[in-house]
């Protein structure tokens, strides 16, 4: 119902980047530029300054952005109120999740949610924790699920479950016969880790910094961008790693990997993240409530 040109303008103004706005709107960049030009012709003034490869709002653009924010807030509130009156749960929710959560937790959660709410369409964006938090901050996604701490006070963070991390290695590795492993025991061996910005990497780095007694650093031999890539490299005997226990259940059954608990135990929260003051549409509220309930009923033993 809302003016398409105003929606496009609002996305560009929020992100101050035409390419990112086009991606978030599932449009081409020329189409976004065309919509902005139409709106500028309508108001007979420039809304953006484009100088030195930077985009900024003009005074008129800042004015339009302020009104657009209020318009879309009221629009969402109107939709939500009508849906509460009619009992209808529908619409689109854009969800973001870090890689581990997207690959090993969300398929079952979203499957159950869609069975109960078939009229809700979910768009999923996958990134590392740093990327997901940035998307929530910039309103690119409605709700994020991440695997590391979040420090932005403007965001609402709710822990949904506690995840246990374990050391993994090939079954014939010298450490595979241990019942538990300390941080000091991991240090001598080649280590395979996630990329910079990964929540898993951040948690492991903090744990090692706290518990390694010597001045030696972890011998990082590979940095890989997904849990599946890390598991493959560990299975091939290229090194050891630390991962969520939930990601290696299949490999443990097949005996292609060994997983040893750490001492002291290494745990981290999986958390829901969303804008603290953003008006939540009914579909998002339903998904958030469902996900919290799902996590409580599927806590690890």
C-alpha atoms as a PDB file:
ATOM      1  CA  UNK A   1       0.000   0.000   0.000  1.00  0.00           C
ATOM      2  CA  UNK A   2       2.804   2.468   0.835  1.00  0.00           C
ATOM      3  CA  UNK A   3       4.324   4.505  -2.013  1.00  0.00           C
ATOM      4  CA  UNK A   4       6.985   2.393  -3.733  1.00  0.00           C
ATOM      5  CA  UNK A   5       9.209   5.407  -4.334  1.00  0.00           C
ATOM      6  CA  UNK A   6       9.126   6.291  -0.642  1.00  0.00           C
ATOM      7  CA  UNK A   7      10.039   2.708   0.343  1.00  0.00           C
ATOM      8  CA  UNK A   8      13.020   2.761  -1.981  1.00  0.00           C
ATOM      9  CA  UNK A   9      14.075   6.195  -0.717  1.00  0.00           C
ATOM     10  CA  UNK A  10      13.779   5.030   2.903  1.00  0.00           C
ATOM     11  CA  UNK A  11      16.091   2.061   2.272  1.00  0.00           C
ATOM     12  CA  UNK A  12      18.728   4.164   0.491  1.00  0.00           C
ATOM     13  CA  UNK A  13      18.547   6.863   3.180  1.00  0.00           C
ATOM     14  CA  UNK A  14      18.918   4.290   5.944  1.00  0.00           C
ATOM     15  CA  UNK A  15      21.893   2.539   4.354  1.00  0.00           C
ATOM     16  CA  UNK A  16      23.379   5.506   2.450  1.00  0.00           C
ATOM     17  CA  UNK A  17      24.348   3.021  -0.216  1.00  0.00           C
ATOM     18  CA  UNK A  18      22.441   2.363  -3.458  1.00  0.00           C
ATOM     19  CA  UNK A  19      23.906  -1.118  -3.966  1.00  0.00           C
ATOM     20  CA  UNK A  20      23.069  -2.336  -0.443  1.00  0.00           C
ATOM     21  CA  UNK A  21      19.594  -0.838  -0.710  1.00  0.00           C
ATOM     22  CA  UNK A  22      19.015  -2.644  -4.014  1.00  0.00           C
ATOM     23  CA  UNK A  23      20.069  -5.952  -2.409  1.00  0.00           C
ATOM     24  CA  UNK A  24      17.780  -5.456   0.582  1.00  0.00           C
ATOM     25  CA  UNK A  25      14.848  -4.638  -1.716  1.00  0.00           C
ATOM     26  CA  UNK A  26      15.616  -7.442  -4.200  1.00  0.00           C
ATOM     27  CA  UNK A  27      15.899  -4.847  -6.991  1.00  0.00           C
ATOM     28  CA  UNK A  28      18.576  -3.879  -9.483  1.00  0.00           C
ATOM     29  CA  UNK A  29      20.596  -0.752  -8.779  1.00  0.00           C
ATOM     30  CA  UNK A  30      19.312   1.043 -11.930  1.00  0.00           C
ATOM     31  CA  UNK A  31      15.734   0.389 -10.771  1.00  0.00           C
ATOM     32  CA  UNK A  32      16.518   1.916  -7.370  1.00  0.00           C
ATOM     33  CA  UNK A  33      18.138   4.947  -9.027  1.00  0.00           C
ATOM     34  CA  UNK A  34      15.056   5.392 -11.252  1.00  0.00           C
ATOM     35  CA  UNK A  35      12.694   5.382  -8.243  1.00  0.00           C
ATOM     36  CA  UNK A  36      14.841   7.979  -6.440  1.00  0.00           C
ATOM     37  CA  UNK A  37      14.872  10.222  -9.514  1.00  0.00           C
ATOM     38  CA  UNK A  38      11.086   9.991  -9.746  1.00  0.00           C
ATOM     39  CA  UNK A  39      10.724  11.048  -6.119  1.00  0.00           C
ATOM     40  CA  UNK A  40      13.194  13.920  -6.591  1.00  0.00           C
ATOM     41  CA  UNK A  41      11.201  15.076  -9.636  1.00  0.00           C
ATOM     42  CA  UNK A  42       8.003  14.886  -7.583  1.00  0.00           C
ATOM     43  CA  UNK A  43       9.480  17.132  -4.866  1.00  0.00           C
ATOM     44  CA  UNK A  44      11.447  19.159  -7.429  1.00  0.00           C
ATOM     45  CA  UNK A  45      14.627  18.972  -5.335  1.00  0.00           C
ATOM     46  CA  UNK A  46      17.624  16.730  -4.754  1.00  0.00           C
ATOM     47  CA  UNK A  47      17.294  14.329  -1.842  1.00  0.00           C
ATOM     48  CA  UNK A  48      20.845  12.914  -1.964  1.00  0.00           C
ATOM     49  CA  UNK A  49      24.296  14.367  -2.498  1.00  0.00           C
ATOM     50  CA  UNK A  50      26.571  12.024  -4.453  1.00  0.00           C
ATOM     51  CA  UNK A  51      30.146  13.315  -4.199  1.00  0.00           C
ATOM     52  CA  UNK A  52      33.523  11.571  -3.918  1.00  0.00           C
ATOM     53  CA  UNK A  53      31.865   8.137  -4.077  1.00  0.00           C
ATOM     54  CA  UNK A  54      29.848   8.939  -0.943  1.00  0.00           C
ATOM     55  CA  UNK A  55      26.094   9.269  -0.528  1.00  0.00           C
ATOM     56  CA  UNK A  56      24.600  11.704   1.975  1.00  0.00           C
ATOM     57  CA  UNK A  57      21.187  13.232   2.573  1.00  0.00           C
ATOM     58  CA  UNK A  58      20.478  16.811   1.610  1.00  0.00           C
ATOM     59  CA  UNK A  59      18.473  18.988   4.007  1.00  0.00           C
ATOM     60  CA  UNK A  60      15.336  18.091   2.057  1.00  0.00           C
ATOM     61  CA  UNK A  61      16.331  14.428   2.129  1.00  0.00           C
ATOM     62  CA  UNK A  62      16.689  14.491   5.917  1.00  0.00           C
ATOM     63  CA  UNK A  63      13.216  15.997   6.158  1.00  0.00           C
ATOM     64  CA  UNK A  64      11.686  13.340   3.895  1.00  0.00           C
ATOM     65  CA  UNK A  65      13.524  10.589   5.798  1.00  0.00           C
ATOM     66  CA  UNK A  66      12.060  11.757   9.116  1.00  0.00           C
ATOM     67  CA  UNK A  67       8.532  11.746   7.742  1.00  0.00           C
ATOM     68  CA  UNK A  68       9.071   8.398   5.967  1.00  0.00           C
ATOM     69  CA  UNK A  69      10.128   6.824   9.267  1.00  0.00           C
ATOM     70  CA  UNK A  70       6.907   7.990  10.907  1.00  0.00           C
ATOM     71  CA  UNK A  71       4.786   6.925   7.911  1.00  0.00           C
ATOM     72  CA  UNK A  72       6.127   3.375   7.860  1.00  0.00           C
ATOM     73  CA  UNK A  73       5.880   3.081  11.642  1.00  0.00           C
ATOM     74  CA  UNK A  74       2.199   4.024  11.457  1.00  0.00           C
ATOM     75  CA  UNK A  75       1.677   1.744   8.475  1.00  0.00           C
ATOM     76  CA  UNK A  76       3.110  -1.247  10.382  1.00  0.00           C
ATOM     77  CA  UNK A  77       1.021  -0.361  13.415  1.00  0.00           C
ATOM     78  CA  UNK A  78      -2.128  -0.193  11.286  1.00  0.00           C
ATOM     79  CA  UNK A  79      -1.434  -3.579   9.684  1.00  0.00           C
ATOM     80  CA  UNK A  80      -0.717  -5.170  13.038  1.00  0.00           C
ATOM     81  CA  UNK A  81      -3.878  -3.753  14.617  1.00  0.00           C
ATOM     82  CA  UNK A  82      -6.094  -5.030  11.788  1.00  0.00           C
ATOM     83  CA  UNK A  83      -4.483  -8.471  11.901  1.00  0.00           C
ATOM     84  CA  UNK A  84      -5.070  -8.669  15.646  1.00  0.00           C
ATOM     85  CA  UNK A  85      -8.733  -7.842  15.062  1.00  0.00           C
ATOM     86  CA  UNK A  86      -9.104 -10.488  12.363  1.00  0.00           C
ATOM     87  CA  UNK A  87      -6.814 -13.086  13.980  1.00  0.00           C
ATOM     88  CA  UNK A  88      -4.751 -13.172  10.780  1.00  0.00           C
ATOM     89  CA  UNK A  89      -1.047 -13.985  11.008  1.00  0.00           C
ATOM     90  CA  UNK A  90       0.540 -13.268   7.638  1.00  0.00           C
ATOM     91  CA  UNK A  91       3.140 -11.138   5.949  1.00  0.00           C
ATOM     92  CA  UNK A  92       6.883 -11.273   5.428  1.00  0.00           C
ATOM     93  CA  UNK A  93       9.564 -11.557   8.108  1.00  0.00           C
ATOM     94  CA  UNK A  94      13.197 -11.091   7.143  1.00  0.00           C
ATOM     95  CA  UNK A  95      15.302 -13.254   9.417  1.00  0.00           C
ATOM     96  CA  UNK A  96      19.080 -13.305   9.694  1.00  0.00           C
ATOM     97  CA  UNK A  97      21.194 -16.029  11.255  1.00  0.00           C
ATOM     98  CA  UNK A  98      24.835 -16.789  11.716  1.00  0.00           C
ATOM     99  CA  UNK A  99      26.117 -19.788   9.788  1.00  0.00           C
ATOM    100  CA  UNK A 100      26.040 -22.426  12.549  1.00  0.00           C
ATOM    101  CA  UNK A 101      22.477 -21.544  13.551  1.00  0.00           C
ATOM    102  CA  UNK A 102      21.223 -21.330   9.948  1.00  0.00           C
ATOM    103  CA  UNK A 103      22.627 -24.744   9.025  1.00  0.00           C
ATOM    104  CA  UNK A 104      21.886 -26.787  12.158  1.00  0.00           C
ATOM    105  CA  UNK A 105      19.067 -25.180  14.165  1.00  0.00           C
ATOM    106  CA  UNK A 106      16.818 -23.148  11.883  1.00  0.00           C
ATOM    107  CA  UNK A 107      15.669 -25.789   9.354  1.00  0.00           C
ATOM    108  CA  UNK A 108      13.659 -27.657  12.007  1.00  0.00           C
ATOM    109  CA  UNK A 109      12.455 -24.519  13.811  1.00  0.00           C
ATOM    110  CA  UNK A 110      11.274 -22.805  10.622  1.00  0.00           C
ATOM    111  CA  UNK A 111       9.711 -26.006   9.331  1.00  0.00           C
ATOM    112  CA  UNK A 112       7.556 -26.315  12.468  1.00  0.00           C
ATOM    113  CA  UNK A 113       6.699 -22.602  12.379  1.00  0.00           C
ATOM    114  CA  UNK A 114       5.591 -22.720   8.724  1.00  0.00           C
ATOM    115  CA  UNK A 115       3.362 -25.719   9.438  1.00  0.00           C
ATOM    116  CA  UNK A 116       1.503 -23.633  12.027  1.00  0.00           C
ATOM    117  CA  UNK A 117       1.652 -20.314  10.151  1.00  0.00           C
ATOM    118  CA  UNK A 118       1.521 -21.093   6.413  1.00  0.00           C
ATOM    119  CA  UNK A 119       0.627 -17.496   5.480  1.00  0.00           C
ATOM    120  CA  UNK A 120       3.867 -16.065   6.860  1.00  0.00           C
ATOM    121  CA  UNK A 121       6.699 -15.829   4.334  1.00  0.00           C
ATOM    122  CA  UNK A 122      10.207 -15.913   5.766  1.00  0.00           C
ATOM    123  CA  UNK A 123      13.253 -14.514   4.021  1.00  0.00           C
ATOM    124  CA  UNK A 124      16.526 -15.777   5.478  1.00  0.00           C
ATOM    125  CA  UNK A 125      19.888 -14.023   5.204  1.00  0.00           C
ATOM    126  CA  UNK A 126      23.008 -15.888   6.368  1.00  0.00           C
ATOM    127  CA  UNK A 127      26.163 -14.181   7.573  1.00  0.00           C
ATOM    128  CA  UNK A 128      28.580 -14.309  10.483  1.00  0.00           C
ATOM    129  CA  UNK A 129      27.565 -12.759  13.806  1.00  0.00           C
ATOM    130  CA  UNK A 130      29.155  -9.396  12.994  1.00  0.00           C
ATOM    131  CA  UNK A 131      27.228  -9.212   9.722  1.00  0.00           C
ATOM    132  CA  UNK A 132      23.901 -10.171  11.307  1.00  0.00           C
ATOM    133  CA  UNK A 133      24.221  -7.539  14.047  1.00  0.00           C
ATOM    134  CA  UNK A 134      25.019  -4.921  11.397  1.00  0.00           C
ATOM    135  CA  UNK A 135      21.893  -5.918   9.428  1.00  0.00           C
ATOM    136  CA  UNK A 136      19.724  -5.553  12.538  1.00  0.00           C
ATOM    137  CA  UNK A 137      21.284  -2.159  13.320  1.00  0.00           C
ATOM    138  CA  UNK A 138      20.547  -0.956   9.775  1.00  0.00           C
ATOM    139  CA  UNK A 139      17.023  -2.450   9.634  1.00  0.00           C
ATOM    140  CA  UNK A 140      17.945  -4.745   6.754  1.00  0.00           C
ATOM    141  CA  UNK A 141      16.452  -7.658   8.719  1.00  0.00           C
ATOM    142  CA  UNK A 142      13.647  -7.782  11.308  1.00  0.00           C
ATOM    143  CA  UNK A 143      15.168 -10.383  13.603  1.00  0.00           C
ATOM    144  CA  UNK A 144      18.651 -11.870  13.978  1.00  0.00           C
ATOM    145  CA  UNK A 145      19.843 -15.019  15.732  1.00  0.00           C
ATOM    146  CA  UNK A 146      23.511 -14.944  16.671  1.00  0.00           C
ATOM    147  CA  UNK A 147      26.076 -17.020  18.539  1.00  0.00           C
ATOM    148  CA  UNK A 148      28.124 -14.385  20.359  1.00  0.00           C
ATOM    149  CA  UNK A 149      27.592 -11.486  22.733  1.00  0.00           C
ATOM    150  CA  UNK A 150      26.037  -8.250  21.412  1.00  0.00           C
ATOM    151  CA  UNK A 151      27.015  -4.934  22.992  1.00  0.00           C
ATOM    152  CA  UNK A 152      24.769  -2.430  21.197  1.00  0.00           C
ATOM    153  CA  UNK A 153      22.439  -0.980  23.851  1.00  0.00           C
ATOM    154  CA  UNK A 154      19.892   0.018  21.179  1.00  0.00           C
ATOM    155  CA  UNK A 155      19.255  -3.658  20.422  1.00  0.00           C
ATOM    156  CA  UNK A 156      17.097  -6.056  22.398  1.00  0.00           C
ATOM    157  CA  UNK A 157      18.990  -9.302  23.066  1.00  0.00           C
ATOM    158  CA  UNK A 158      17.225 -12.412  24.418  1.00  0.00           C
ATOM    159  CA  UNK A 159      19.119 -15.657  25.028  1.00  0.00           C
ATOM    160  CA  UNK A 160      17.259 -18.599  23.480  1.00  0.00           C
ATOM    161  CA  UNK A 161      19.546 -21.498  24.439  1.00  0.00           C
ATOM    162  CA  UNK A 162      23.019 -22.355  25.666  1.00  0.00           C
ATOM    163  CA  UNK A 163      25.317 -24.126  23.221  1.00  0.00           C
ATOM    164  CA  UNK A 164      28.236 -26.372  24.226  1.00  0.00           C
ATOM    165  CA  UNK A 165      31.449 -26.301  22.199  1.00  0.00           C
ATOM    166  CA  UNK A 166      33.806 -29.284  22.003  1.00  0.00           C
ATOM    167  CA  UNK A 167      37.231 -30.031  20.576  1.00  0.00           C
ATOM    168  CA  UNK A 168      37.055 -32.100  17.379  1.00  0.00           C
ATOM    169  CA  UNK A 169      39.697 -34.127  15.627  1.00  0.00           C
ATOM    170  CA  UNK A 170      40.137 -37.188  13.396  1.00  0.00           C
ATOM    171  CA  UNK A 171      39.453 -40.479  15.275  1.00  0.00           C
ATOM    172  CA  UNK A 172      43.134 -41.507  15.000  1.00  0.00           C
ATOM    173  CA  UNK A 173      44.429 -38.221  16.417  1.00  0.00           C
ATOM    174  CA  UNK A 174      46.575 -38.450  19.608  1.00  0.00           C
ATOM    175  CA  UNK A 175      43.990 -36.400  21.550  1.00  0.00           C
ATOM    176  CA  UNK A 176      41.019 -38.555  20.516  1.00  0.00           C
ATOM    177  CA  UNK A 177      41.373 -40.962  23.461  1.00  0.00           C
ATOM    178  CA  UNK A 178      41.081 -38.259  26.146  1.00  0.00           C
ATOM    179  CA  UNK A 179      37.908 -37.865  28.202  1.00  0.00           C
ATOM    180  CA  UNK A 180      38.341 -34.095  28.508  1.00  0.00           C
ATOM    181  CA  UNK A 181      40.861 -31.577  27.160  1.00  0.00           C
ATOM    182  CA  UNK A 182      42.295 -28.360  28.559  1.00  0.00           C
ATOM    183  CA  UNK A 183      43.195 -25.302  26.513  1.00  0.00           C
ATOM    184  CA  UNK A 184      46.892 -26.032  27.119  1.00  0.00           C
ATOM    185  CA  UNK A 185      46.529 -29.483  25.542  1.00  0.00           C
ATOM    186  CA  UNK A 186      45.158 -27.970  22.318  1.00  0.00           C
ATOM    187  CA  UNK A 187      47.960 -25.421  21.829  1.00  0.00           C
ATOM    188  CA  UNK A 188      50.663 -27.705  20.324  1.00  0.00           C
ATOM    189  CA  UNK A 189      48.502 -28.890  17.407  1.00  0.00           C
ATOM    190  CA  UNK A 190      47.612 -27.194  14.072  1.00  0.00           C
ATOM    191  CA  UNK A 191      44.272 -25.441  14.541  1.00  0.00           C
ATOM    192  CA  UNK A 192      41.519 -24.788  11.979  1.00  0.00           C
ATOM    193  CA  UNK A 193      39.263 -21.826  12.740  1.00  0.00           C
ATOM    194  CA  UNK A 194      36.472 -19.657  11.305  1.00  0.00           C
ATOM    195  CA  UNK A 195      37.011 -16.310   9.579  1.00  0.00           C
ATOM    196  CA  UNK A 196      37.312 -12.924  11.300  1.00  0.00           C
ATOM    197  CA  UNK A 197      33.891 -11.678  12.435  1.00  0.00           C
ATOM    198  CA  UNK A 198      32.633 -15.167  13.255  1.00  0.00           C
ATOM    199  CA  UNK A 199      30.914 -15.524  16.627  1.00  0.00           C
ATOM    200  CA  UNK A 200      32.452 -18.974  17.064  1.00  0.00           C
ATOM    201  CA  UNK A 201      35.946 -17.599  16.525  1.00  0.00           C
ATOM    202  CA  UNK A 202      35.338 -14.765  18.986  1.00  0.00           C
ATOM    203  CA  UNK A 203      34.139 -17.158  21.701  1.00  0.00           C
ATOM    204  CA  UNK A 204      37.069 -19.564  21.210  1.00  0.00           C
ATOM    205  CA  UNK A 205      39.621 -16.737  21.250  1.00  0.00           C
ATOM    206  CA  UNK A 206      38.216 -15.437  24.540  1.00  0.00           C
ATOM    207  CA  UNK A 207      38.270 -18.914  26.076  1.00  0.00           C
ATOM    208  CA  UNK A 208      41.897 -19.553  25.082  1.00  0.00           C
ATOM    209  CA  UNK A 209      43.016 -16.143  26.299  1.00  0.00           C
ATOM    210  CA  UNK A 210      41.490 -16.894  29.690  1.00  0.00           C
ATOM    211  CA  UNK A 211      42.620 -20.506  30.094  1.00  0.00           C
ATOM    212  CA  UNK A 212      45.973 -20.959  28.318  1.00  0.00           C
ATOM    213  CA  UNK A 213      48.676 -20.808  30.999  1.00  0.00           C
ATOM    214  CA  UNK A 214      51.678 -20.298  28.678  1.00  0.00           C
ATOM    215  CA  UNK A 215      52.586 -17.449  26.325  1.00  0.00           C
ATOM    216  CA  UNK A 216      52.155 -19.733  23.309  1.00  0.00           C
ATOM    217  CA  UNK A 217      49.457 -18.920  20.764  1.00  0.00           C
ATOM    218  CA  UNK A 218      47.209 -21.315  18.894  1.00  0.00           C
ATOM    219  CA  UNK A 219      48.906 -22.593  15.718  1.00  0.00           C
ATOM    220  CA  UNK A 220      46.271 -21.533  13.170  1.00  0.00           C
ATOM    221  CA  UNK A 221      46.850 -23.435   9.920  1.00  0.00           C
ATOM    222  CA  UNK A 222      43.547 -22.698   8.122  1.00  0.00           C
ATOM    223  CA  UNK A 223      40.764 -20.113   8.278  1.00  0.00           C
ATOM    224  CA  UNK A 224      37.524 -21.385   6.722  1.00  0.00           C
ATOM    225  CA  UNK A 225      34.113 -19.795   6.236  1.00  0.00           C
ATOM    226  CA  UNK A 226      31.698 -22.557   7.250  1.00  0.00           C
ATOM    227  CA  UNK A 227      31.317 -25.421   9.747  1.00  0.00           C
ATOM    228  CA  UNK A 228      31.095 -27.951   6.910  1.00  0.00           C
ATOM    229  CA  UNK A 229      34.438 -26.823   5.468  1.00  0.00           C
ATOM    230  CA  UNK A 230      36.087 -27.054   8.887  1.00  0.00           C
ATOM    231  CA  UNK A 231      34.712 -30.552   9.508  1.00  0.00           C
ATOM    232  CA  UNK A 232      36.008 -31.718   6.135  1.00  0.00           C
ATOM    233  CA  UNK A 233      39.491 -30.376   6.842  1.00  0.00           C
ATOM    234  CA  UNK A 234      39.548 -31.962  10.308  1.00  0.00           C
ATOM    235  CA  UNK A 235      38.375 -35.307   8.899  1.00  0.00           C
ATOM    236  CA  UNK A 236      41.241 -35.103   6.399  1.00  0.00           C
ATOM    237  CA  UNK A 237      43.715 -34.825   9.282  1.00  0.00           C
ATOM    238  CA  UNK A 238      44.765 -31.251   8.536  1.00  0.00           C
ATOM    239  CA  UNK A 239      44.311 -30.108  12.140  1.00  0.00           C
ATOM    240  CA  UNK A 240      41.952 -29.895  15.108  1.00  0.00           C
ATOM    241  CA  UNK A 241      39.182 -27.406  15.840  1.00  0.00           C
ATOM    242  CA  UNK A 242      36.549 -26.375  18.372  1.00  0.00           C
ATOM    243  CA  UNK A 243      32.906 -26.427  17.278  1.00  0.00           C
ATOM    244  CA  UNK A 244      29.358 -26.626  18.543  1.00  0.00           C
ATOM    245  CA  UNK A 245      28.488 -30.171  19.573  1.00  0.00           C
ATOM    246  CA  UNK A 246      25.234 -29.866  17.604  1.00  0.00           C
ATOM    247  CA  UNK A 247      27.167 -29.501  14.345  1.00  0.00           C
ATOM    248  CA  UNK A 248      28.992 -32.847  14.601  1.00  0.00           C
ATOM    249  CA  UNK A 249      26.199 -35.233  15.657  1.00  0.00           C
ATOM    250  CA  UNK A 250      26.133 -36.963  12.263  1.00  0.00           C
ATOM    251  CA  UNK A 251      29.937 -37.316  12.091  1.00  0.00           C
ATOM    252  CA  UNK A 252      30.062 -38.825  15.583  1.00  0.00           C
ATOM    253  CA  UNK A 253      27.505 -41.457  14.575  1.00  0.00           C
ATOM    254  CA  UNK A 254      29.561 -42.269  11.475  1.00  0.00           C
ATOM    255  CA  UNK A 255      32.782 -42.276  13.542  1.00  0.00           C
ATOM    256  CA  UNK A 256      34.414 -39.899  11.068  1.00  0.00           C
ATOM    257  CA  UNK A 257      35.223 -37.409  13.844  1.00  0.00           C
ATOM    258  CA  UNK A 258      35.957 -37.542  17.566  1.00  0.00           C
ATOM    259  CA  UNK A 259      34.566 -34.866  19.910  1.00  0.00           C
ATOM    260  CA  UNK A 260      36.061 -34.251  23.351  1.00  0.00           C
ATOM    261  CA  UNK A 261      34.510 -31.920  25.994  1.00  0.00           C
ATOM    262  CA  UNK A 262      36.695 -29.061  27.208  1.00  0.00           C
ATOM    263  CA  UNK A 263      37.691 -28.527  30.828  1.00  0.00           C
ATOM    264  CA  UNK A 264      36.465 -26.121  32.023  1.00  0.00           C
ATOM    265  CA  UNK A 265      33.422 -26.410  29.789  1.00  0.00           C
ATOM    266  CA  UNK A 266      33.056 -23.905  26.940  1.00  0.00           C
ATOM    267  CA  UNK A 267      29.503 -22.657  26.473  1.00  0.00           C
ATOM    268  CA  UNK A 268      27.983 -19.711  24.623  1.00  0.00           C
ATOM    269  CA  UNK A 269      24.494 -18.278  24.190  1.00  0.00           C
ATOM    270  CA  UNK A 270      22.420 -18.379  21.034  1.00  0.00           C
ATOM    271  CA  UNK A 271      20.484 -15.106  21.149  1.00  0.00           C
ATOM    272  CA  UNK A 272      17.631 -13.314  19.382  1.00  0.00           C
ATOM    273  CA  UNK A 273      18.493  -9.743  18.408  1.00  0.00           C
ATOM    274  CA  UNK A 274      16.141  -7.027  17.185  1.00  0.00           C
ATOM    275  CA  UNK A 275      15.683  -3.262  17.336  1.00  0.00           C
ATOM    276  CA  UNK A 276      14.638  -2.296  20.860  1.00  0.00           C
ATOM    277  CA  UNK A 277      12.222   0.439  19.810  1.00  0.00           C
ATOM    278  CA  UNK A 278      11.092  -0.838  16.414  1.00  0.00           C
ATOM    279  CA  UNK A 279       7.386  -1.549  16.122  1.00  0.00           C
ATOM    280  CA  UNK A 280       7.014  -5.289  15.607  1.00  0.00           C
ATOM    281  CA  UNK A 281       4.460  -6.569  13.122  1.00  0.00           C
ATOM    282  CA  UNK A 282       2.288  -9.503  14.155  1.00  0.00           C
ATOM    283  CA  UNK A 283       4.177 -12.045  12.024  1.00  0.00           C
ATOM    284  CA  UNK A 284       7.490 -11.130  13.643  1.00  0.00           C
ATOM    285  CA  UNK A 285       5.990 -11.279  17.130  1.00  0.00           C
ATOM    286  CA  UNK A 286       4.590 -14.737  16.380  1.00  0.00           C
ATOM    287  CA  UNK A 287       7.935 -15.966  15.030  1.00  0.00           C
ATOM    288  CA  UNK A 288       9.856 -14.573  18.013  1.00  0.00           C
ATOM    289  CA  UNK A 289       7.453 -16.147  20.525  1.00  0.00           C
ATOM    290  CA  UNK A 290       7.495 -19.461  18.652  1.00  0.00           C
ATOM    291  CA  UNK A 291      11.307 -19.503  18.442  1.00  0.00           C
ATOM    292  CA  UNK A 292      11.687 -18.795  22.169  1.00  0.00           C
ATOM    293  CA  UNK A 293       9.287 -21.617  23.011  1.00  0.00           C
ATOM    294  CA  UNK A 294      11.028 -23.944  20.531  1.00  0.00           C
ATOM    295  CA  UNK A 295      14.451 -23.258  22.050  1.00  0.00           C
ATOM    296  CA  UNK A 296      13.195 -23.857  25.581  1.00  0.00           C
ATOM    297  CA  UNK A 297      11.751 -27.224  24.577  1.00  0.00           C
ATOM    298  CA  UNK A 298      14.895 -28.264  22.639  1.00  0.00           C
ATOM    299  CA  UNK A 299      17.557 -27.342  25.157  1.00  0.00           C
ATOM    300  CA  UNK A 300      20.663 -29.519  25.046  1.00  0.00           C
ATOM    301  CA  UNK A 301      20.972 -32.001  27.829  1.00  0.00           C
END
